[in-house]
Protein backbone atom coordinates (compact mmCIF):
# COMPACT_ATOMS: atom_id res chain seq x y z
CA MET A 1 5.94 30.51 -18.36
CA SER A 2 7.17 33.87 -17.37
CA ASN A 3 9.07 36.09 -19.75
CA THR A 4 12.08 36.01 -17.44
CA VAL A 5 12.45 32.24 -17.70
CA LEU A 6 12.16 32.36 -21.48
CA ALA A 7 14.69 35.19 -21.69
CA ILE A 8 17.18 33.30 -19.54
CA ALA A 9 16.77 30.15 -21.60
CA GLY A 10 17.05 32.19 -24.78
CA LEU A 11 13.75 30.85 -26.08
CA GLY A 12 11.28 33.02 -27.88
CA PRO A 13 7.71 32.05 -28.71
CA GLN A 14 8.70 30.59 -32.08
CA GLU A 15 11.45 28.43 -30.59
CA LEU A 16 9.16 27.23 -27.81
CA LEU A 17 6.51 26.28 -30.36
CA LEU A 18 9.10 24.37 -32.37
CA VAL A 19 10.25 22.44 -29.28
CA VAL A 20 6.65 21.52 -28.43
CA LEU A 21 6.03 20.41 -32.01
CA VAL A 22 9.15 18.22 -32.08
CA VAL A 23 8.24 16.61 -28.74
CA PHE A 24 4.72 15.99 -30.02
CA LEU A 25 6.04 14.38 -33.21
CA LEU A 26 8.57 12.22 -31.36
CA PHE A 27 6.26 10.86 -28.68
CA GLY A 28 2.76 11.23 -30.11
CA ALA A 29 -0.43 12.32 -28.42
CA THR A 30 -1.03 9.05 -26.61
CA ARG A 31 2.41 8.93 -25.00
CA LEU A 32 2.61 12.57 -23.80
CA PRO A 33 0.26 12.16 -20.80
CA GLN A 34 2.29 9.16 -19.62
CA LEU A 35 5.52 11.16 -19.92
CA ALA A 36 4.03 14.09 -18.02
CA LYS A 37 2.80 11.79 -15.25
CA SER A 38 6.16 10.09 -14.92
CA LEU A 39 7.96 13.44 -14.90
CA GLY A 40 5.67 14.65 -12.11
CA GLN A 41 6.25 11.50 -10.08
CA SER A 42 10.01 11.83 -10.50
CA LYS A 43 9.93 15.46 -9.42
CA ARG A 44 7.85 14.57 -6.35
CA ALA A 45 10.19 11.73 -5.38
CA PHE A 46 13.24 13.99 -5.77
CA LYS A 47 11.65 16.67 -3.61
CA GLU A 48 10.76 14.10 -0.94
CA GLY A 49 14.33 12.82 -0.97
CA LEU A 50 15.70 16.33 -0.48
CA GLU A 51 13.30 16.95 2.40
CA GLU A 52 14.29 13.65 4.01
CA ALA A 53 17.99 14.46 3.70
CA ASP A 54 17.41 17.89 5.28
CA ARG A 55 15.44 16.28 8.10
CA GLU A 56 18.19 13.71 8.75
CA GLU A 57 20.86 16.42 8.68
CA LYS A 58 18.89 18.46 11.20
CA GLU A 59 18.50 15.42 13.48
CA GLU A 60 22.25 14.73 13.31
CA LYS A 61 23.03 18.32 14.26
CA GLU A 62 20.66 18.09 17.20
CA LYS A 63 22.27 14.83 18.37
CA SER A 64 25.80 16.22 18.10
CA SER A 65 24.94 19.44 19.95
CA LYS A 66 23.53 17.57 22.98
CA PRO A 67 26.11 16.61 25.60
């Protein structure tokens, strides 16, 4: 992570380490890869949905501008 992102979030290295430790304790080592995979899939699906909405909006504009 960049220093800018950490500064904006107000997290220093010690706080970030604490968050990682708590997540590790809550979910365990076996569950973390599954959570990361599902988070990645959700992010990808959200991005695809945004792209599809932009594409549909562009098509609608093109249809409405044609006589």
